[in-house]
Amino acid sequence: MTNILMMIATVVVLWILFAFGGWLWVFLSAKQNGKLLKPEDFAAKIDSDNGQIIDVRESEPYKRSHIMGARNISAMNFLQGKSGLRQDRDIFLYDDNLRDVVRVARSLKKQGYAKEKIFILRGGFSRYEGKKTK
């Protein structure tokens, strides 16, 4: 009985470590490939800047609601190098979680975009409280 409890405890601890490690990797990757902003800072920066706001979610969630002024370019298009964004203007990226945004930011950096011009919404679209459609 003790062996079974030890095995269950070990599996639970390993699962927690694995989940935390995955989150930490995504978080650090986001910081490495752009500037990670809290929702209120993201909204303030959008209001004060003439940047390109990009929703990297698929089209259905974008159609339901998105940040005012945002274009929908799915993460897959970025990974294929089909963004068509201007390199001289700031880029504001968001989605429902950080995973796709990190991939997009990394792709943009590889295409020659400056890290200082890439801003990422921390916490995803659901945490954003600025101007949205619907």
N, C-alpha and C. Protein backbone atom coordinates (compact mmCIF):
# COMPACT_ATOMS: atom_id res chain seq x y z
N MET A 1 0.83 -1.21 0.00
CA MET A 1 0.00 0.00 0.00
C MET A 1 0.87 1.26 0.00
N THR A 2 1.94 1.23 0.78
CA THR A 2 2.84 2.37 0.86
C THR A 2 3.50 2.64 -0.48
N ASN A 3 3.86 1.56 -1.19
CA ASN A 3 4.49 1.71 -2.51
C ASN A 3 3.55 2.36 -3.51
N ILE A 4 2.30 2.02 -3.46
CA ILE A 4 1.31 2.59 -4.37
C ILE A 4 1.14 4.09 -4.08
N LEU A 5 1.05 4.45 -2.82
CA LEU A 5 0.93 5.87 -2.44
C LEU A 5 2.17 6.65 -2.85
N MET A 6 3.35 6.06 -2.67
CA MET A 6 4.59 6.73 -3.09
C MET A 6 4.62 6.92 -4.60
N MET A 7 4.16 5.91 -5.34
CA MET A 7 4.13 6.01 -6.79
C MET A 7 3.15 7.08 -7.24
N ILE A 8 1.99 7.14 -6.63
CA ILE A 8 0.99 8.16 -6.97
C ILE A 8 1.54 9.55 -6.64
N ALA A 9 2.15 9.71 -5.48
CA ALA A 9 2.73 11.00 -5.09
C ALA A 9 3.82 11.41 -6.07
N THR A 10 4.65 10.47 -6.48
CA THR A 10 5.72 10.76 -7.44
C THR A 10 5.16 11.21 -8.77
N VAL A 11 4.14 10.52 -9.25
CA VAL A 11 3.51 10.89 -10.52
C VAL A 11 2.90 12.29 -10.44
N VAL A 12 2.23 12.59 -9.34
CA VAL A 12 1.61 13.91 -9.17
C VAL A 12 2.68 15.00 -9.13
N VAL A 13 3.75 14.78 -8.39
CA VAL A 13 4.82 15.77 -8.30
C VAL A 13 5.47 15.96 -9.68
N LEU A 14 5.74 14.88 -10.38
CA LEU A 14 6.33 14.99 -11.72
C LEU A 14 5.40 15.73 -12.68
N TRP A 15 4.10 15.47 -12.59
CA TRP A 15 3.13 16.15 -13.45
C TRP A 15 3.13 17.66 -13.16
N ILE A 16 3.16 18.02 -11.88
CA ILE A 16 3.19 19.44 -11.50
C ILE A 16 4.46 20.10 -12.01
N LEU A 17 5.60 19.43 -11.83
CA LEU A 17 6.87 19.98 -12.32
C LEU A 17 6.87 20.14 -13.83
N PHE A 18 6.33 19.17 -14.53
CA PHE A 18 6.27 19.22 -15.99
C PHE A 18 5.37 20.38 -16.44
N ALA A 19 4.21 20.53 -15.81
CA ALA A 19 3.29 21.61 -16.17
C ALA A 19 3.92 22.97 -15.88
N PHE A 20 4.55 23.12 -14.74
CA PHE A 20 5.21 24.38 -14.40
C PHE A 20 6.36 24.66 -15.35
N GLY A 21 7.13 23.64 -15.68
CA GLY A 21 8.25 23.79 -16.62
C GLY A 21 7.77 24.25 -17.98
N GLY A 22 6.67 23.69 -18.46
CA GLY A 22 6.10 24.10 -19.75
C GLY A 22 5.66 25.55 -19.73
N TRP A 23 5.00 25.95 -18.65
CA TRP A 23 4.56 27.34 -18.53
C TRP A 23 5.76 28.27 -18.47
N LEU A 24 6.76 27.89 -17.68
CA LEU A 24 7.96 28.72 -17.53
C LEU A 24 8.68 28.88 -18.86
N TRP A 25 8.77 27.80 -19.64
CA TRP A 25 9.43 27.87 -20.94
C TRP A 25 8.69 28.85 -21.85
N VAL A 26 7.37 28.78 -21.90
CA VAL A 26 6.58 29.69 -22.75
C VAL A 26 6.76 31.13 -22.28
N PHE A 27 6.70 31.34 -20.99
CA PHE A 27 6.84 32.69 -20.42
C PHE A 27 8.21 33.29 -20.77
N LEU A 28 9.27 32.52 -20.56
CA LEU A 28 10.62 33.01 -20.86
C LEU A 28 10.82 33.21 -22.36
N SER A 29 10.24 32.35 -23.16
CA SER A 29 10.33 32.51 -24.62
C SER A 29 9.62 33.79 -25.07
N ALA A 30 8.50 34.10 -24.43
CA ALA A 30 7.78 35.33 -24.77
C ALA A 30 8.66 36.54 -24.45
N LYS A 31 9.31 36.53 -23.31
CA LYS A 31 10.18 37.65 -22.94
C LYS A 31 11.40 37.75 -23.84
N GLN A 32 11.84 36.64 -24.37
CA GLN A 32 13.02 36.62 -25.24
C GLN A 32 12.70 37.14 -26.64
N ASN A 33 11.46 36.99 -27.07
CA ASN A 33 11.09 37.31 -28.45
C ASN A 33 10.26 38.58 -28.60
N GLY A 34 9.95 39.23 -27.51
CA GLY A 34 9.17 40.46 -27.56
C GLY A 34 9.04 41.02 -26.16
N LYS A 35 8.26 42.08 -26.04
CA LYS A 35 8.03 42.66 -24.72
C LYS A 35 6.67 42.21 -24.22
N LEU A 36 6.66 41.51 -23.11
CA LEU A 36 5.44 40.97 -22.52
C LEU A 36 4.80 42.05 -21.66
N LEU A 37 3.55 42.43 -21.99
CA LEU A 37 2.86 43.51 -21.27
C LEU A 37 1.62 43.01 -20.56
N LYS A 38 1.39 43.53 -19.36
CA LYS A 38 0.15 43.25 -18.66
C LYS A 38 -1.00 43.86 -19.46
N PRO A 39 -2.23 43.33 -19.30
CA PRO A 39 -3.36 43.84 -20.10
C PRO A 39 -3.54 45.34 -20.06
N GLU A 40 -3.41 45.96 -18.88
CA GLU A 40 -3.61 47.41 -18.79
C GLU A 40 -2.48 48.17 -19.50
N ASP A 41 -1.26 47.66 -19.43
CA ASP A 41 -0.13 48.29 -20.12
C ASP A 41 -0.25 48.11 -21.64
N PHE A 42 -0.73 46.94 -22.04
CA PHE A 42 -0.94 46.64 -23.46
C PHE A 42 -1.96 47.62 -24.04
N ALA A 43 -3.08 47.82 -23.33
CA ALA A 43 -4.13 48.74 -23.78
C ALA A 43 -3.60 50.18 -23.85
N ALA A 44 -2.84 50.58 -22.85
CA ALA A 44 -2.29 51.94 -22.83
C ALA A 44 -1.31 52.14 -23.98
N LYS A 45 -0.49 51.16 -24.25
CA LYS A 45 0.50 51.25 -25.33
C LYS A 45 -0.20 51.32 -26.68
N ILE A 46 -1.26 50.55 -26.85
CA ILE A 46 -2.03 50.59 -28.11
C ILE A 46 -2.62 51.98 -28.29
N ASP A 47 -3.18 52.55 -27.22
CA ASP A 47 -3.80 53.88 -27.31
C ASP A 47 -2.80 54.98 -27.63
N SER A 48 -1.55 54.81 -27.18
CA SER A 48 -0.56 55.87 -27.37
C SER A 48 0.33 55.65 -28.61
N ASP A 49 0.14 54.56 -29.31
CA ASP A 49 1.03 54.20 -30.41
C ASP A 49 0.22 53.93 -31.67
N ASN A 50 0.85 54.12 -32.80
CA ASN A 50 0.21 53.82 -34.08
C ASN A 50 0.76 52.50 -34.61
N GLY A 51 0.55 51.44 -33.85
CA GLY A 51 1.11 50.14 -34.20
C GLY A 51 0.11 49.26 -34.94
N GLN A 52 0.58 48.08 -35.26
CA GLN A 52 -0.22 47.07 -35.96
C GLN A 52 -0.71 46.07 -34.92
N ILE A 53 -2.02 45.98 -34.72
CA ILE A 53 -2.60 45.08 -33.74
C ILE A 53 -3.00 43.80 -34.46
N ILE A 54 -2.43 42.69 -34.01
CA ILE A 54 -2.65 41.42 -34.71
C ILE A 54 -3.21 40.37 -33.76
N ASP A 55 -4.35 39.83 -34.15
CA ASP A 55 -4.99 38.73 -33.44
C ASP A 55 -4.54 37.46 -34.15
N VAL A 56 -3.79 36.60 -33.47
CA VAL A 56 -3.26 35.40 -34.12
C VAL A 56 -4.16 34.17 -33.93
N ARG A 57 -5.35 34.39 -33.38
CA ARG A 57 -6.29 33.28 -33.24
C ARG A 57 -6.88 32.91 -34.60
N GLU A 58 -7.58 31.82 -34.64
CA GLU A 58 -8.29 31.43 -35.86
C GLU A 58 -9.44 32.42 -36.11
N SER A 59 -10.05 32.36 -37.26
CA SER A 59 -11.03 33.38 -37.66
C SER A 59 -12.32 33.35 -36.84
N GLU A 60 -12.78 32.19 -36.38
CA GLU A 60 -14.04 32.13 -35.64
C GLU A 60 -13.99 32.92 -34.32
N PRO A 61 -13.00 32.70 -33.47
CA PRO A 61 -12.94 33.51 -32.24
C PRO A 61 -12.77 35.00 -32.55
N TYR A 62 -12.01 35.31 -33.60
CA TYR A 62 -11.81 36.70 -34.00
C TYR A 62 -13.14 37.34 -34.40
N LYS A 63 -13.97 36.61 -35.13
CA LYS A 63 -15.27 37.14 -35.56
C LYS A 63 -16.19 37.39 -34.37
N ARG A 64 -16.09 36.57 -33.33
CA ARG A 64 -16.94 36.75 -32.15
C ARG A 64 -16.59 38.05 -31.41
N SER A 65 -15.30 38.31 -31.25
CA SER A 65 -14.86 39.52 -30.56
C SER A 65 -13.35 39.65 -30.72
N HIS A 66 -12.90 40.89 -30.83
CA HIS A 66 -11.47 41.16 -30.94
C HIS A 66 -11.18 42.59 -30.49
N ILE A 67 -9.92 42.91 -30.34
CA ILE A 67 -9.52 44.26 -29.96
C ILE A 67 -9.80 45.19 -31.14
N MET A 68 -10.37 46.34 -30.83
CA MET A 68 -10.69 47.33 -31.88
C MET A 68 -9.43 47.66 -32.69
N GLY A 69 -9.56 47.60 -34.00
CA GLY A 69 -8.46 47.92 -34.89
C GLY A 69 -7.54 46.75 -35.21
N ALA A 70 -7.83 45.59 -34.65
CA ALA A 70 -6.97 44.42 -34.87
C ALA A 70 -7.26 43.75 -36.20
N ARG A 71 -6.20 43.24 -36.80
CA ARG A 71 -6.31 42.39 -38.00
C ARG A 71 -6.18 40.95 -37.54
N ASN A 72 -6.82 40.05 -38.26
CA ASN A 72 -6.72 38.63 -37.93
C ASN A 72 -5.76 37.97 -38.91
N ILE A 73 -4.62 37.55 -38.39
CA ILE A 73 -3.66 36.76 -39.16
C ILE A 73 -3.34 35.55 -38.28
N SER A 74 -3.81 34.40 -38.68
CA SER A 74 -3.64 33.22 -37.84
C SER A 74 -2.16 32.88 -37.67
N ALA A 75 -1.86 32.20 -36.59
CA ALA A 75 -0.48 31.82 -36.29
C ALA A 75 0.12 31.01 -37.44
N MET A 76 -0.66 30.19 -38.09
CA MET A 76 -0.16 29.36 -39.18
C MET A 76 0.39 30.22 -40.32
N ASN A 77 -0.28 31.33 -40.64
CA ASN A 77 0.22 32.21 -41.71
C ASN A 77 1.56 32.83 -41.35
N PHE A 78 1.74 33.17 -40.09
CA PHE A 78 3.03 33.72 -39.66
C PHE A 78 4.13 32.69 -39.83
N LEU A 79 3.82 31.46 -39.45
CA LEU A 79 4.83 30.41 -39.51
C LEU A 79 5.22 30.10 -40.96
N GLN A 80 4.34 30.43 -41.90
CA GLN A 80 4.65 30.25 -43.31
C GLN A 80 5.24 31.51 -43.93
N GLY A 81 5.48 32.53 -43.09
CA GLY A 81 6.11 33.77 -43.56
C GLY A 81 5.19 34.67 -44.35
N LYS A 82 3.88 34.59 -44.09
CA LYS A 82 2.89 35.35 -44.86
C LYS A 82 2.21 36.43 -44.04
N SER A 83 2.96 37.20 -43.28
CA SER A 83 2.32 38.19 -42.42
C SER A 83 2.04 39.51 -43.13
N GLY A 84 2.94 39.96 -43.98
CA GLY A 84 2.76 41.23 -44.69
C GLY A 84 2.77 42.44 -43.77
N LEU A 85 3.45 42.36 -42.64
CA LEU A 85 3.49 43.47 -41.69
C LEU A 85 4.66 44.40 -42.01
N ARG A 86 4.51 45.63 -41.58
CA ARG A 86 5.57 46.63 -41.77
C ARG A 86 6.58 46.52 -40.63
N GLN A 87 7.85 46.54 -40.97
CA GLN A 87 8.89 46.41 -39.97
C GLN A 87 9.17 47.72 -39.24
N ASP A 88 8.71 48.83 -39.78
CA ASP A 88 9.00 50.13 -39.17
C ASP A 88 7.97 50.54 -38.11
N ARG A 89 6.94 49.74 -37.91
CA ARG A 89 5.90 50.05 -36.91
C ARG A 89 5.85 48.95 -35.86
N ASP A 90 5.43 49.35 -34.65
CA ASP A 90 5.28 48.37 -33.57
C ASP A 90 4.22 47.34 -33.94
N ILE A 91 4.39 46.14 -33.39
CA ILE A 91 3.45 45.04 -33.63
C ILE A 91 2.92 44.58 -32.27
N PHE A 92 1.61 44.58 -32.13
CA PHE A 92 0.95 44.13 -30.91
C PHE A 92 0.30 42.78 -31.19
N LEU A 93 0.74 41.74 -30.49
CA LEU A 93 0.26 40.39 -30.73
C LEU A 93 -0.56 39.89 -29.54
N TYR A 94 -1.64 39.17 -29.87
CA TYR A 94 -2.40 38.53 -28.79
C TYR A 94 -3.14 37.33 -29.33
N ASP A 95 -3.50 36.45 -28.43
CA ASP A 95 -4.36 35.30 -28.71
C ASP A 95 -4.99 34.86 -27.39
N ASP A 96 -5.44 33.62 -27.31
CA ASP A 96 -6.06 33.15 -26.08
C ASP A 96 -5.05 32.66 -25.04
N ASN A 97 -3.87 32.31 -25.50
CA ASN A 97 -2.80 31.87 -24.59
C ASN A 97 -1.47 32.33 -25.17
N LEU A 98 -0.40 32.07 -24.49
CA LEU A 98 0.90 32.56 -24.96
C LEU A 98 1.57 31.65 -25.99
N ARG A 99 1.18 30.42 -26.08
CA ARG A 99 1.91 29.47 -26.94
C ARG A 99 1.99 29.92 -28.40
N ASP A 100 0.86 30.23 -29.00
CA ASP A 100 0.87 30.64 -30.41
C ASP A 100 1.56 31.99 -30.59
N VAL A 101 1.37 32.90 -29.66
CA VAL A 101 2.00 34.22 -29.76
C VAL A 101 3.52 34.09 -29.70
N VAL A 102 4.01 33.19 -28.85
CA VAL A 102 5.46 32.99 -28.76
C VAL A 102 6.00 32.48 -30.10
N ARG A 103 5.30 31.54 -30.70
CA ARG A 103 5.73 31.03 -32.02
C ARG A 103 5.74 32.15 -33.06
N VAL A 104 4.72 32.98 -33.04
CA VAL A 104 4.63 34.09 -33.99
C VAL A 104 5.76 35.10 -33.75
N ALA A 105 5.98 35.47 -32.50
CA ALA A 105 7.05 36.42 -32.18
C ALA A 105 8.40 35.88 -32.62
N ARG A 106 8.64 34.60 -32.38
CA ARG A 106 9.90 33.98 -32.79
C ARG A 106 10.03 34.01 -34.31
N SER A 107 8.95 33.73 -35.00
CA SER A 107 8.95 33.76 -36.47
C SER A 107 9.23 35.16 -36.99
N LEU A 108 8.61 36.17 -36.38
CA LEU A 108 8.84 37.55 -36.80
C LEU A 108 10.30 37.96 -36.58
N LYS A 109 10.88 37.56 -35.45
CA LYS A 109 12.28 37.87 -35.20
C LYS A 109 13.17 37.23 -36.27
N LYS A 110 12.87 35.99 -36.64
CA LYS A 110 13.66 35.32 -37.69
C LYS A 110 13.52 36.03 -39.03
N GLN A 111 12.38 36.68 -39.25
CA GLN A 111 12.14 37.41 -40.50
C GLN A 111 12.75 38.81 -40.47
N GLY A 112 13.40 39.18 -39.37
CA GLY A 112 14.09 40.46 -39.30
C GLY A 112 13.40 41.55 -38.52
N TYR A 113 12.30 41.26 -37.88
CA TYR A 113 11.61 42.26 -37.05
C TYR A 113 12.37 42.43 -35.74
N ALA A 114 12.47 43.65 -35.27
CA ALA A 114 13.18 43.94 -34.02
C ALA A 114 12.35 43.53 -32.81
N LYS A 115 13.00 42.91 -31.85
CA LYS A 115 12.34 42.49 -30.60
C LYS A 115 11.68 43.68 -29.90
N GLU A 116 12.31 44.85 -29.99
CA GLU A 116 11.80 46.05 -29.32
C GLU A 116 10.50 46.56 -29.92
N LYS A 117 10.13 46.06 -31.09
CA LYS A 117 8.89 46.50 -31.76
C LYS A 117 7.77 45.46 -31.63
N ILE A 118 8.03 44.37 -30.91
CA ILE A 118 7.04 43.30 -30.75
C ILE A 118 6.53 43.33 -29.32
N PHE A 119 5.22 43.55 -29.17
CA PHE A 119 4.58 43.61 -27.86
C PHE A 119 3.56 42.49 -27.75
N ILE A 120 3.60 41.77 -26.64
CA ILE A 120 2.76 40.59 -26.45
C ILE A 120 1.83 40.80 -25.26
N LEU A 121 0.55 40.49 -25.46
CA LEU A 121 -0.45 40.60 -24.38
C LEU A 121 -0.31 39.43 -23.42
N ARG A 122 0.02 39.74 -22.20
CA ARG A 122 0.17 38.72 -21.16
C ARG A 122 -1.22 38.31 -20.67
N GLY A 123 -1.47 37.03 -20.60
CA GLY A 123 -2.74 36.54 -20.07
C GLY A 123 -3.80 36.25 -21.12
N GLY A 124 -3.57 36.66 -22.35
CA GLY A 124 -4.50 36.36 -23.42
C GLY A 124 -5.64 37.35 -23.55
N PHE A 125 -6.40 37.18 -24.61
CA PHE A 125 -7.49 38.09 -24.96
C PHE A 125 -8.54 38.22 -23.86
N SER A 126 -8.82 37.15 -23.16
CA SER A 126 -9.87 37.18 -22.13
C SER A 126 -9.53 38.15 -20.99
N ARG A 127 -8.26 38.47 -20.78
CA ARG A 127 -7.85 39.38 -19.71
C ARG A 127 -7.82 40.83 -20.16
N TYR A 128 -7.91 41.06 -21.46
CA TYR A 128 -7.83 42.42 -22.01
C TYR A 128 -9.10 43.19 -21.68
N GLU A 129 -8.96 44.41 -21.17
CA GLU A 129 -10.13 45.21 -20.80
C GLU A 129 -10.23 46.52 -21.55
N GLY A 130 -9.45 46.65 -22.63
CA GLY A 130 -9.53 47.84 -23.45
C GLY A 130 -10.71 47.75 -24.42
N LYS A 131 -10.65 48.54 -25.48
CA LYS A 131 -11.73 48.58 -26.47
C LYS A 131 -11.77 47.29 -27.30
N LYS A 132 -12.95 46.65 -27.28
CA LYS A 132 -13.18 45.41 -28.03
C LYS A 132 -14.42 45.56 -28.87
N THR A 133 -14.54 44.69 -29.86
CA THR A 133 -15.80 44.63 -30.61
C THR A 133 -16.78 43.80 -29.82
N LYS A 134 -18.04 44.02 -30.03
CA LYS A 134 -19.15 43.30 -29.41
C LYS A 134 -19.02 43.32 -27.93
